[in-house]
Amino acid sequence: MFLRQFQYLATLAEEKNFGRAAQRCNVSQPSLSSAVKQLEQELGIPIVLRHQRFSGLTEEGKRVLEWGKRILADRDAMLMELALMHRNLEGRIRIGAMPMSSPVLPMIDRLFFVRYPGVQIETHFIGLDKMIDGLINSYFDIGVTYLGEQPLGRLKTLPLYEEEFALLIPDRGWAGNRSSMAWAEAAGLPLCLLSPSTHERQAMNKAFTKCGVTPKPRLESESILNLVFHVMQGDLATIIPSHFQHFIGPFPRTRLIALEKPQVVQNVGLVWVDAQPMRPMTNAMVELMKEAIKTGALAEQLTGNSGTSAPAETRRTQAKGV
């Protein structure tokens, strides 16, 4: 068996046409077809369903394709690791991230670009379940999500920063000149909130429950910017991660105040599959972030954000001068 046979099979499965697959692989159609047939003979099973043209893969063929993709991924990982040893890493790092991390990711990406200018970053904003599935199946190299109460299975984690919720209100006299408000009082405001299915909303509901109150939002949305736009109209208030305003800038006609009693703090960090050897792109990001935490470079990127800071353990490490 040769790696090119698995590459041909993977391309054929994507294109579903021998001619197009051969063109993508820069070989003749007979050469590609012959390589696939040779693989079938070596394994002693039919892989491709043929009825004058490509009709799909057999059940055995689907399993061969899965293993073939893993073998090709391991080949790519080996080449990347060798490149990493010489500090000339190239290729693409695929990140699965929670949508709420979008304002912070450019800070992380910037550090990565400086260290590895030859690497392209590909980011997908998705939910936790899809993120875990993508990491386990090698579709993503690294994930960025909330840490703590969420079940992460066999994934390893690295806390990056802490995040707090804040109350975004219209600036036309709401709450007077106060700089903070209790959750119980905020529940009585005309609110628009994130949808109940989101992690952030679930964390908000826990805070309200601790206060013995249940808010009745007039509007719910999965888009935090949609909520902000409603607040800008002057009729509703919302609750957002306070780093949003810091990195995007003040939203017109609004004011951000702290939420307290209780204070809700959430850890955000990297997640990746606990496997040895670690994938080169994963290793590059994890080691870079560990270094950035130790030297204070990450905290420097986040400086000035009242609702986003390095995690407690990171602050203790920096205080020790480690």
C-alpha atoms as a PDB file:
ATOM      1  CA  MET A   1       0.000   0.000   0.000  1.00  0.00           C
ATOM      2  CA  PHE A   2       1.143   3.518  -0.792  1.00  0.00           C
ATOM      3  CA  LEU A   3       0.059   6.866   0.625  1.00  0.00           C
ATOM      4  CA  ARG A   4      -0.920   8.046  -2.837  1.00  0.00           C
ATOM      5  CA  GLN A   5      -3.555   5.284  -3.006  1.00  0.00           C
ATOM      6  CA  PHE A   6      -5.279   6.690   0.072  1.00  0.00           C
ATOM      7  CA  GLN A   7      -4.932  10.209  -1.329  1.00  0.00           C
ATOM      8  CA  TYR A   8      -6.581   9.123  -4.573  1.00  0.00           C
ATOM      9  CA  LEU A   9      -9.383   7.390  -2.659  1.00  0.00           C
ATOM     10  CA  ALA A  10     -10.006  10.439  -0.460  1.00  0.00           C
ATOM     11  CA  THR A  11     -10.142  12.722  -3.501  1.00  0.00           C
ATOM     12  CA  LEU A  12     -12.445  10.310  -5.343  1.00  0.00           C
ATOM     13  CA  ALA A  13     -14.818  10.251  -2.359  1.00  0.00           C
ATOM     14  CA  GLU A  14     -14.940  14.062  -2.405  1.00  0.00           C
ATOM     15  CA  GLU A  15     -15.338  14.511  -6.160  1.00  0.00           C
ATOM     16  CA  LYS A  16     -17.559  11.433  -6.751  1.00  0.00           C
ATOM     17  CA  ASN A  17     -16.149  11.291 -10.261  1.00  0.00           C
ATOM     18  CA  PHE A  18     -13.018   9.511 -11.531  1.00  0.00           C
ATOM     19  CA  GLY A  19     -12.207  12.169 -14.106  1.00  0.00           C
ATOM     20  CA  ARG A  20     -12.410  15.130 -11.725  1.00  0.00           C
ATOM     21  CA  ALA A  21     -10.538  13.214  -9.024  1.00  0.00           C
ATOM     22  CA  ALA A  22      -7.730  12.391 -11.458  1.00  0.00           C
ATOM     23  CA  GLN A  23      -7.537  16.018 -12.555  1.00  0.00           C
ATOM     24  CA  ARG A  24      -7.216  17.193  -8.941  1.00  0.00           C
ATOM     25  CA  CYS A  25      -4.481  14.637  -8.288  1.00  0.00           C
ATOM     26  CA  ASN A  26      -2.649  15.610 -11.498  1.00  0.00           C
ATOM     27  CA  VAL A  27      -2.705  12.065 -12.876  1.00  0.00           C
ATOM     28  CA  SER A  28      -4.527  10.345 -15.712  1.00  0.00           C
ATOM     29  CA  GLN A  29      -7.888   8.733 -15.031  1.00  0.00           C
ATOM     30  CA  PRO A  30      -6.566   5.209 -15.818  1.00  0.00           C
ATOM     31  CA  SER A  31      -3.704   5.731 -13.345  1.00  0.00           C
ATOM     32  CA  LEU A  32      -6.066   6.762 -10.559  1.00  0.00           C
ATOM     33  CA  SER A  33      -8.491   3.933 -11.295  1.00  0.00           C
ATOM     34  CA  SER A  34      -5.636   1.428 -11.382  1.00  0.00           C
ATOM     35  CA  ALA A  35      -4.290   2.627  -8.025  1.00  0.00           C
ATOM     36  CA  VAL A  36      -7.704   2.216  -6.378  1.00  0.00           C
ATOM     37  CA  LYS A  37      -8.131  -1.269  -7.895  1.00  0.00           C
ATOM     38  CA  GLN A  38      -4.679  -2.230  -6.639  1.00  0.00           C
ATOM     39  CA  LEU A  39      -5.686  -1.127  -3.137  1.00  0.00           C
ATOM     40  CA  GLU A  40      -8.815  -3.291  -3.382  1.00  0.00           C
ATOM     41  CA  GLN A  41      -6.688  -6.283  -4.408  1.00  0.00           C
ATOM     42  CA  GLU A  42      -4.191  -5.766  -1.606  1.00  0.00           C
ATOM     43  CA  LEU A  43      -6.952  -5.547   1.014  1.00  0.00           C
ATOM     44  CA  GLY A  44      -9.050  -8.272  -0.576  1.00  0.00           C
ATOM     45  CA  ILE A  45     -12.287  -6.260  -0.468  1.00  0.00           C
ATOM     46  CA  PRO A  46     -14.369  -4.133  -2.849  1.00  0.00           C
ATOM     47  CA  ILE A  47     -13.987  -0.440  -2.014  1.00  0.00           C
ATOM     48  CA  VAL A  48     -15.777   1.369  -4.830  1.00  0.00           C
ATOM     49  CA  LEU A  49     -19.258   0.703  -6.196  1.00  0.00           C
ATOM     50  CA  ARG A  50     -18.997   0.772  -9.985  1.00  0.00           C
ATOM     51  CA  HIS A  51     -21.922   0.833 -12.383  1.00  0.00           C
ATOM     52  CA  GLN A  52     -20.241   2.229 -15.519  1.00  0.00           C
ATOM     53  CA  ARG A  53     -19.333   5.204 -13.333  1.00  0.00           C
ATOM     54  CA  PHE A  54     -18.557   5.955  -9.685  1.00  0.00           C
ATOM     55  CA  SER A  55     -21.618   5.117  -7.559  1.00  0.00           C
ATOM     56  CA  GLY A  56     -20.198   5.488  -4.062  1.00  0.00           C
ATOM     57  CA  LEU A  57     -18.226   3.393  -1.594  1.00  0.00           C
ATOM     58  CA  THR A  58     -19.008   0.007  -0.130  1.00  0.00           C
ATOM     59  CA  GLU A  59     -19.368  -0.299   3.639  1.00  0.00           C
ATOM     60  CA  GLU A  60     -15.831  -1.702   3.745  1.00  0.00           C
ATOM     61  CA  GLY A  61     -14.713   1.133   1.501  1.00  0.00           C
ATOM     62  CA  LYS A  62     -16.089   3.716   3.917  1.00  0.00           C
ATOM     63  CA  ARG A  63     -13.999   2.220   6.716  1.00  0.00           C
ATOM     64  CA  VAL A  64     -10.916   2.151   4.495  1.00  0.00           C
ATOM     65  CA  LEU A  65     -11.541   5.824   3.705  1.00  0.00           C
ATOM     66  CA  GLU A  66     -11.715   6.691   7.417  1.00  0.00           C
ATOM     67  CA  TRP A  67      -8.458   4.889   8.143  1.00  0.00           C
ATOM     68  CA  GLY A  68      -6.873   6.369   5.047  1.00  0.00           C
ATOM     69  CA  LYS A  69      -7.710   9.899   6.186  1.00  0.00           C
ATOM     70  CA  ARG A  70      -6.112   9.169   9.560  1.00  0.00           C
ATOM     71  CA  ILE A  71      -2.988   7.851   7.863  1.00  0.00           C
ATOM     72  CA  LEU A  72      -2.780  10.945   5.660  1.00  0.00           C
ATOM     73  CA  ALA A  73      -3.342  13.179   8.692  1.00  0.00           C
ATOM     74  CA  ASP A  74      -0.505  11.414  10.519  1.00  0.00           C
ATOM     75  CA  ARG A  75       1.723  11.939   7.471  1.00  0.00           C
ATOM     76  CA  ASP A  76       0.920  15.651   7.489  1.00  0.00           C
ATOM     77  CA  ALA A  77       1.492  15.806  11.243  1.00  0.00           C
ATOM     78  CA  MET A  78       4.931  14.225  10.875  1.00  0.00           C
ATOM     79  CA  LEU A  79       5.944  16.745   8.217  1.00  0.00           C
ATOM     80  CA  MET A  80       4.660  19.627  10.340  1.00  0.00           C
ATOM     81  CA  GLU A  81       6.546  18.390  13.394  1.00  0.00           C
ATOM     82  CA  LEU A  82       9.768  18.213  11.427  1.00  0.00           C
ATOM     83  CA  ALA A  83       9.156  21.758  10.192  1.00  0.00           C
ATOM     84  CA  LEU A  84       8.396  22.871  13.746  1.00  0.00           C
ATOM     85  CA  MET A  85      11.777  21.540  14.879  1.00  0.00           C
ATOM     86  CA  HIS A  86      13.390  23.978  12.450  1.00  0.00           C
ATOM     87  CA  ARG A  87      11.046  26.874  13.339  1.00  0.00           C
ATOM     88  CA  ASN A  88       9.732  27.087   9.777  1.00  0.00           C
ATOM     89  CA  LEU A  89       6.263  25.692  10.400  1.00  0.00           C
ATOM     90  CA  GLU A  90       3.913  26.121   7.453  1.00  0.00           C
ATOM     91  CA  GLY A  91       0.397  25.005   6.658  1.00  0.00           C
ATOM     92  CA  ARG A  92      -2.933  25.705   8.334  1.00  0.00           C
ATOM     93  CA  ILE A  93      -4.112  25.568  11.935  1.00  0.00           C
ATOM     94  CA  ARG A  94      -7.837  24.892  12.284  1.00  0.00           C
ATOM     95  CA  ILE A  95      -9.503  26.414  15.334  1.00  0.00           C
ATOM     96  CA  GLY A  96     -12.980  25.621  16.629  1.00  0.00           C
ATOM     97  CA  ALA A  97     -14.185  28.479  18.813  1.00  0.00           C
ATOM     98  CA  MET A  98     -17.255  29.556  20.737  1.00  0.00           C
ATOM     99  CA  PRO A  99     -18.856  32.640  19.137  1.00  0.00           C
ATOM    100  CA  MET A 100     -18.362  34.765  22.273  1.00  0.00           C
ATOM    101  CA  SER A 101     -14.583  34.508  21.896  1.00  0.00           C
ATOM    102  CA  SER A 102     -14.590  36.377  18.564  1.00  0.00           C
ATOM    103  CA  PRO A 103     -13.384  39.740  19.984  1.00  0.00           C
ATOM    104  CA  VAL A 104     -10.512  38.049  21.860  1.00  0.00           C
ATOM    105  CA  LEU A 105      -9.283  35.664  19.165  1.00  0.00           C
ATOM    106  CA  PRO A 106      -7.436  38.384  17.184  1.00  0.00           C
ATOM    107  CA  MET A 107      -5.235  38.913  20.260  1.00  0.00           C
ATOM    108  CA  ILE A 108      -4.327  35.218  20.269  1.00  0.00           C
ATOM    109  CA  ASP A 109      -3.949  35.093  16.492  1.00  0.00           C
ATOM    110  CA  ARG A 110      -1.584  38.059  16.571  1.00  0.00           C
ATOM    111  CA  LEU A 111       0.839  36.259  18.873  1.00  0.00           C
ATOM    112  CA  PHE A 112       0.687  33.187  16.640  1.00  0.00           C
ATOM    113  CA  PHE A 113       1.277  35.188  13.439  1.00  0.00           C
ATOM    114  CA  VAL A 114       4.422  36.749  14.899  1.00  0.00           C
ATOM    115  CA  ARG A 115       5.886  33.365  15.855  1.00  0.00           C
ATOM    116  CA  TYR A 116       4.725  31.409  12.798  1.00  0.00           C
ATOM    117  CA  PRO A 117       4.250  33.767   9.823  1.00  0.00           C
ATOM    118  CA  GLY A 118       4.008  30.852   7.398  1.00  0.00           C
ATOM    119  CA  VAL A 119       0.878  29.392   9.006  1.00  0.00           C
ATOM    120  CA  GLN A 120      -2.657  30.299   7.949  1.00  0.00           C
ATOM    121  CA  ILE A 121      -5.336  30.357  10.660  1.00  0.00           C
ATOM    122  CA  GLU A 122      -8.767  28.926   9.845  1.00  0.00           C
ATOM    123  CA  THR A 123     -11.447  29.641  12.478  1.00  0.00           C
ATOM    124  CA  HIS A 124     -14.885  28.046  12.773  1.00  0.00           C
ATOM    125  CA  PHE A 125     -17.401  29.433  15.292  1.00  0.00           C
ATOM    126  CA  ILE A 126     -19.439  26.501  16.582  1.00  0.00           C
ATOM    127  CA  GLY A 127     -21.105  24.994  19.640  1.00  0.00           C
ATOM    128  CA  LEU A 128     -19.338  22.810  22.195  1.00  0.00           C
ATOM    129  CA  ASP A 129     -20.657  19.451  20.940  1.00  0.00           C
ATOM    130  CA  LYS A 130     -19.478  20.081  17.385  1.00  0.00           C
ATOM    131  CA  MET A 131     -16.176  21.395  18.710  1.00  0.00           C
ATOM    132  CA  ILE A 132     -15.496  18.236  20.719  1.00  0.00           C
ATOM    133  CA  ASP A 133     -16.486  16.040  17.773  1.00  0.00           C
ATOM    134  CA  GLY A 134     -14.229  18.034  15.448  1.00  0.00           C
ATOM    135  CA  LEU A 135     -11.271  17.749  17.820  1.00  0.00           C
ATOM    136  CA  ILE A 136     -11.694  14.006  18.315  1.00  0.00           C
ATOM    137  CA  ASN A 137     -11.992  13.428  14.559  1.00  0.00           C
ATOM    138  CA  SER A 138      -8.969  15.642  13.778  1.00  0.00           C
ATOM    139  CA  TYR A 139     -11.011  18.258  11.942  1.00  0.00           C
ATOM    140  CA  PHE A 140      -9.822  20.905  14.420  1.00  0.00           C
ATOM    141  CA  ASP A 141      -6.342  21.248  15.871  1.00  0.00           C
ATOM    142  CA  ILE A 142      -7.431  23.291  18.883  1.00  0.00           C
ATOM    143  CA  GLY A 143     -10.577  24.666  20.476  1.00  0.00           C
ATOM    144  CA  VAL A 144     -11.416  27.818  22.450  1.00  0.00           C
ATOM    145  CA  THR A 145     -14.322  27.541  24.877  1.00  0.00           C
ATOM    146  CA  TYR A 146     -15.540  27.935  28.454  1.00  0.00           C
ATOM    147  CA  LEU A 147     -13.861  25.701  31.011  1.00  0.00           C
ATOM    148  CA  GLY A 148     -15.154  24.396  34.308  1.00  0.00           C
ATOM    149  CA  GLU A 149     -18.590  22.844  34.516  1.00  0.00           C
ATOM    150  CA  GLN A 150     -18.785  21.608  30.938  1.00  0.00           C
ATOM    151  CA  PRO A 151     -18.020  17.904  30.281  1.00  0.00           C
ATOM    152  CA  LEU A 152     -14.932  17.846  28.080  1.00  0.00           C
ATOM    153  CA  GLY A 153     -14.224  14.109  28.100  1.00  0.00           C
ATOM    154  CA  ARG A 154     -10.634  13.235  27.258  1.00  0.00           C
ATOM    155  CA  LEU A 155      -9.703  16.756  26.222  1.00  0.00           C
ATOM    156  CA  LYS A 156      -6.889  18.650  27.909  1.00  0.00           C
ATOM    157  CA  THR A 157      -7.306  22.303  28.841  1.00  0.00           C
ATOM    158  CA  LEU A 158      -5.284  25.470  29.358  1.00  0.00           C
ATOM    159  CA  PRO A 159      -7.013  28.481  30.999  1.00  0.00           C
ATOM    160  CA  LEU A 160      -6.324  31.721  29.099  1.00  0.00           C
ATOM    161  CA  TYR A 161      -8.459  34.434  30.682  1.00  0.00           C
ATOM    162  CA  GLU A 162     -11.391  35.122  32.976  1.00  0.00           C
ATOM    163  CA  GLU A 163     -14.564  36.793  31.823  1.00  0.00           C
ATOM    164  CA  GLU A 164     -17.381  38.571  33.659  1.00  0.00           C
ATOM    165  CA  PHE A 165     -20.887  39.556  32.651  1.00  0.00           C
ATOM    166  CA  ALA A 166     -21.946  43.192  32.538  1.00  0.00           C
ATOM    167  CA  LEU A 167     -25.225  45.035  32.035  1.00  0.00           C
ATOM    168  CA  LEU A 168     -25.560  47.083  28.857  1.00  0.00           C
ATOM    169  CA  ILE A 169     -28.200  49.812  29.235  1.00  0.00           C
ATOM    170  CA  PRO A 170     -29.322  52.857  27.231  1.00  0.00           C
ATOM    171  CA  ASP A 171     -27.394  55.974  28.252  1.00  0.00           C
ATOM    172  CA  ARG A 172     -30.465  58.167  28.696  1.00  0.00           C
ATOM    173  CA  GLY A 173     -30.759  58.111  32.472  1.00  0.00           C
ATOM    174  CA  TRP A 174     -31.077  54.397  33.174  1.00  0.00           C
ATOM    175  CA  ALA A 175     -29.541  53.541  36.594  1.00  0.00           C
ATOM    176  CA  GLY A 176     -28.509  57.174  37.125  1.00  0.00           C
ATOM    177  CA  ASN A 177     -24.772  57.487  37.642  1.00  0.00           C
ATOM    178  CA  ARG A 178     -24.343  54.060  39.187  1.00  0.00           C
ATOM    179  CA  SER A 179     -21.435  51.922  38.059  1.00  0.00           C
ATOM    180  CA  SER A 180     -22.936  48.593  39.157  1.00  0.00           C
ATOM    181  CA  MET A 181     -26.245  46.815  39.745  1.00  0.00           C
ATOM    182  CA  ALA A 182     -27.276  43.608  41.512  1.00  0.00           C
ATOM    183  CA  TRP A 183     -28.552  40.704  39.413  1.00  0.00           C
ATOM    184  CA  ALA A 184     -31.857  40.728  41.312  1.00  0.00           C
ATOM    185  CA  GLU A 185     -32.501  44.341  40.337  1.00  0.00           C
ATOM    186  CA  ALA A 186     -31.420  43.749  36.737  1.00  0.00           C
ATOM    187  CA  ALA A 187     -34.043  40.997  36.457  1.00  0.00           C
ATOM    188  CA  GLY A 188     -36.751  43.639  36.816  1.00  0.00           C
ATOM    189  CA  LEU A 189     -35.564  45.690  33.838  1.00  0.00           C
ATOM    190  CA  PRO A 190     -37.044  45.309  30.336  1.00  0.00           C
ATOM    191  CA  LEU A 191     -34.488  42.839  29.049  1.00  0.00           C
ATOM    192  CA  CYS A 192     -33.446  41.224  25.816  1.00  0.00           C
ATOM    193  CA  LEU A 193     -31.266  38.165  26.420  1.00  0.00           C
ATOM    194  CA  LEU A 194     -29.384  35.430  24.628  1.00  0.00           C
ATOM    195  CA  SER A 195     -31.369  32.295  23.789  1.00  0.00           C
ATOM    196  CA  PRO A 196     -31.770  29.684  26.565  1.00  0.00           C
ATOM    197  CA  SER A 197     -29.755  27.157  24.519  1.00  0.00           C
ATOM    198  CA  THR A 198     -26.545  29.203  24.794  1.00  0.00           C
ATOM    199  CA  HIS A 199     -23.988  28.562  27.518  1.00  0.00           C
ATOM    200  CA  GLU A 200     -23.956  32.231  28.471  1.00  0.00           C
ATOM    201  CA  ARG A 201     -27.713  32.328  29.038  1.00  0.00           C
ATOM    202  CA  GLN A 202     -27.529  29.206  31.177  1.00  0.00           C
ATOM    203  CA  ALA A 203     -24.852  30.869  33.313  1.00  0.00           C
ATOM    204  CA  MET A 204     -27.069  33.972  33.596  1.00  0.00           C
ATOM    205  CA  ASN A 205     -30.035  31.854  34.682  1.00  0.00           C
ATOM    206  CA  LYS A 206     -27.935  30.295  37.447  1.00  0.00           C
ATOM    207  CA  ALA A 207     -27.038  33.764  38.727  1.00  0.00           C
ATOM    208  CA  PHE A 208     -30.684  34.845  38.694  1.00  0.00           C
ATOM    209  CA  THR A 209     -31.695  31.636  40.483  1.00  0.00           C
ATOM    210  CA  LYS A 210     -29.161  32.324  43.244  1.00  0.00           C
ATOM    211  CA  CYS A 211     -30.932  35.642  43.778  1.00  0.00           C
ATOM    212  CA  GLY A 212     -34.334  33.966  43.850  1.00  0.00           C
ATOM    213  CA  VAL A 213     -35.599  35.776  40.749  1.00  0.00           C
ATOM    214  CA  THR A 214     -36.655  34.756  37.244  1.00  0.00           C
ATOM    215  CA  PRO A 215     -36.347  37.368  34.484  1.00  0.00           C
ATOM    216  CA  LYS A 216     -38.978  37.603  31.766  1.00  0.00           C
ATOM    217  CA  PRO A 217     -37.100  38.887  28.720  1.00  0.00           C
ATOM    218  CA  ARG A 218     -39.135  40.649  26.076  1.00  0.00           C
ATOM    219  CA  LEU A 219     -36.851  39.362  23.357  1.00  0.00           C
ATOM    220  CA  GLU A 220     -34.398  36.481  22.943  1.00  0.00           C
ATOM    221  CA  SER A 221     -31.770  36.020  20.254  1.00  0.00           C
ATOM    222  CA  GLU A 222     -28.738  33.870  19.473  1.00  0.00           C
ATOM    223  CA  SER A 223     -26.913  36.971  18.199  1.00  0.00           C
ATOM    224  CA  ILE A 224     -25.282  39.166  20.811  1.00  0.00           C
ATOM    225  CA  LEU A 225     -24.934  42.008  18.303  1.00  0.00           C
ATOM    226  CA  ASN A 226     -28.675  41.837  17.648  1.00  0.00           C
ATOM    227  CA  LEU A 227     -29.230  42.367  21.376  1.00  0.00           C
ATOM    228  CA  VAL A 228     -26.813  45.298  21.402  1.00  0.00           C
ATOM    229  CA  PHE A 229     -28.648  46.945  18.502  1.00  0.00           C
ATOM    230  CA  HIS A 230     -31.901  46.711  20.473  1.00  0.00           C
ATOM    231  CA  VAL A 231     -30.270  48.415  23.467  1.00  0.00           C
ATOM    232  CA  MET A 232     -29.027  51.177  21.175  1.00  0.00           C
ATOM    233  CA  GLN A 233     -32.671  51.924  20.325  1.00  0.00           C
ATOM    234  CA  GLY A 234     -33.189  52.918  23.972  1.00  0.00           C
ATOM    235  CA  ASP A 235     -35.996  50.589  25.087  1.00  0.00           C
ATOM    236  CA  LEU A 236     -34.254  47.451  26.373  1.00  0.00           C
ATOM    237  CA  ALA A 237     -31.211  46.375  28.380  1.00  0.00           C
ATOM    238  CA  THR A 238     -29.102  43.252  27.907  1.00  0.00           C
ATOM    239  CA  ILE A 239     -26.343  41.237  29.564  1.00  0.00           C
ATOM    240  CA  ILE A 240     -23.124  40.611  27.666  1.00  0.00           C
ATOM    241  CA  PRO A 241     -19.546  39.468  28.320  1.00  0.00           C
ATOM    242  CA  SER A 242     -17.890  42.762  29.152  1.00  0.00           C
ATOM    243  CA  HIS A 243     -14.902  42.115  26.874  1.00  0.00           C
ATOM    244  CA  PHE A 244     -17.164  42.724  23.875  1.00  0.00           C
ATOM    245  CA  GLN A 245     -17.265  46.461  24.438  1.00  0.00           C
ATOM    246  CA  HIS A 246     -13.593  46.695  25.312  1.00  0.00           C
ATOM    247  CA  PHE A 247     -12.349  45.216  22.056  1.00  0.00           C
ATOM    248  CA  ILE A 248     -15.064  46.529  19.752  1.00  0.00           C
ATOM    249  CA  GLY A 249     -15.347  49.944  21.404  1.00  0.00           C
ATOM    250  CA  PRO A 250     -18.255  51.703  23.154  1.00  0.00           C
ATOM    251  CA  PHE A 251     -21.596  51.038  21.526  1.00  0.00           C
ATOM    252  CA  PRO A 252     -23.354  54.329  20.644  1.00  0.00           C
ATOM    253  CA  ARG A 253     -26.081  55.518  23.009  1.00  0.00           C
ATOM    254  CA  THR A 254     -25.322  52.806  25.573  1.00  0.00           C
ATOM    255  CA  ARG A 255     -23.503  52.431  28.880  1.00  0.00           C
ATOM    256  CA  LEU A 256     -21.926  49.332  30.412  1.00  0.00           C
ATOM    257  CA  ILE A 257     -22.125  48.769  34.176  1.00  0.00           C
ATOM    258  CA  ALA A 258     -20.930  45.896  36.346  1.00  0.00           C
ATOM    259  CA  LEU A 259     -23.217  43.142  37.626  1.00  0.00           C
ATOM    260  CA  GLU A 260     -22.744  42.019  41.222  1.00  0.00           C
ATOM    261  CA  LYS A 261     -24.330  39.963  43.987  1.00  0.00           C
ATOM    262  CA  PRO A 262     -23.307  37.454  42.806  1.00  0.00           C
ATOM    263  CA  GLN A 263     -20.202  38.135  40.765  1.00  0.00           C
ATOM    264  CA  VAL A 264     -20.124  35.655  37.880  1.00  0.00           C
ATOM    265  CA  VAL A 265     -16.659  34.789  36.580  1.00  0.00           C
ATOM    266  CA  GLN A 266     -16.028  32.234  33.840  1.00  0.00           C
ATOM    267  CA  ASN A 267     -12.748  30.734  32.658  1.00  0.00           C
ATOM    268  CA  VAL A 268     -12.065  30.618  28.935  1.00  0.00           C
ATOM    269  CA  GLY A 269      -9.258  28.509  27.566  1.00  0.00           C
ATOM    270  CA  LEU A 270      -7.798  26.151  25.002  1.00  0.00           C
ATOM    271  CA  VAL A 271      -8.994  22.560  24.641  1.00  0.00           C
ATOM    272  CA  TRP A 272      -7.331  19.792  22.651  1.00  0.00           C
ATOM    273  CA  VAL A 273      -7.223  16.013  22.390  1.00  0.00           C
ATOM    274  CA  ASP A 274      -5.007  14.294  24.961  1.00  0.00           C
ATOM    275  CA  ALA A 275      -2.940  12.201  22.557  1.00  0.00           C
ATOM    276  CA  GLN A 276       0.725  11.415  22.039  1.00  0.00           C
ATOM    277  CA  PRO A 277       2.390  12.515  19.962  1.00  0.00           C
ATOM    278  CA  MET A 278       0.559  15.838  20.018  1.00  0.00           C
ATOM    279  CA  ARG A 279      -0.342  17.223  16.607  1.00  0.00           C
ATOM    280  CA  PRO A 280       2.274  19.833  15.570  1.00  0.00           C
ATOM    281  CA  MET A 281      -0.192  22.705  15.080  1.00  0.00           C
ATOM    282  CA  THR A 282      -1.801  21.890  18.413  1.00  0.00           C
ATOM    283  CA  ASN A 283       1.577  21.739  20.114  1.00  0.00           C
ATOM    284  CA  ALA A 284       2.643  25.027  18.526  1.00  0.00           C
ATOM    285  CA  MET A 285      -0.437  26.886  19.818  1.00  0.00           C
ATOM    286  CA  VAL A 286      -0.389  25.313  23.292  1.00  0.00           C
ATOM    287  CA  GLU A 287       3.309  25.964  23.870  1.00  0.00           C
ATOM    288  CA  LEU A 288       3.021  29.513  22.532  1.00  0.00           C
ATOM    289  CA  MET A 289       0.114  30.292  24.873  1.00  0.00           C
ATOM    290  CA  LYS A 290       1.949  28.758  27.838  1.00  0.00           C
ATOM    291  CA  GLU A 291       4.898  30.995  27.031  1.00  0.00           C
ATOM    292  CA  ALA A 292       2.630  34.029  26.556  1.00  0.00           C
ATOM    293  CA  ILE A 293       1.027  33.393  29.959  1.00  0.00           C
ATOM    294  CA  LYS A 294       4.390  32.936  31.666  1.00  0.00           C
ATOM    295  CA  THR A 295       5.959  36.072  30.176  1.00  0.00           C
ATOM    296  CA  GLY A 296       2.831  38.203  30.504  1.00  0.00           C
ATOM    297  CA  ALA A 297       2.480  38.682  26.728  1.00  0.00           C
ATOM    298  CA  LEU A 298      -1.095  37.393  26.735  1.00  0.00           C
ATOM    299  CA  ALA A 299      -2.083  39.551  29.697  1.00  0.00           C
ATOM    300  CA  GLU A 300      -0.530  42.523  27.894  1.00  0.00           C
ATOM    301  CA  GLN A 301      -2.790  41.870  24.901  1.00  0.00           C
ATOM    302  CA  LEU A 302      -5.797  41.888  27.245  1.00  0.00           C
ATOM    303  CA  THR A 303      -4.715  44.929  29.267  1.00  0.00           C
ATOM    304  CA  GLY A 304      -7.368  47.511  29.959  1.00  0.00           C
ATOM    305  CA  ASN A 305     -10.347  45.142  29.746  1.00  0.00           C
ATOM    306  CA  SER A 306     -12.333  45.494  32.965  1.00  0.00           C
ATOM    307  CA  GLY A 307     -14.206  42.256  32.317  1.00  0.00           C
ATOM    308  CA  THR A 308     -11.438  40.106  30.863  1.00  0.00           C
ATOM    309  CA  SER A 309      -8.247  39.187  32.682  1.00  0.00           C
ATOM    310  CA  ALA A 310      -5.707  36.439  32.967  1.00  0.00           C
ATOM    311  CA  PRO A 311      -6.944  33.495  35.063  1.00  0.00           C
ATOM    312  CA  ALA A 312      -6.162  33.432  38.762  1.00  0.00           C
ATOM    313  CA  GLU A 313      -3.478  30.756  38.382  1.00  0.00           C
ATOM    314  CA  THR A 314      -1.820  32.820  35.647  1.00  0.00           C
ATOM    315  CA  ARG A 315      -1.813  35.917  37.841  1.00  0.00           C
ATOM    316  CA  ARG A 316      -0.198  33.953  40.682  1.00  0.00           C
ATOM    317  CA  THR A 317       2.474  32.614  38.315  1.00  0.00           C
ATOM    318  CA  GLN A 318       3.254  36.096  37.042  1.00  0.00           C
ATOM    319  CA  ALA A 319       3.426  37.442  40.581  1.00  0.00           C
ATOM    320  CA  LYS A 320       6.071  34.834  41.410  1.00  0.00           C
ATOM    321  CA  GLY A 321       8.079  35.919  38.381  1.00  0.00           C
ATOM    322  CA  VAL A 322       8.168  32.399  37.009  1.00  0.00           C
END
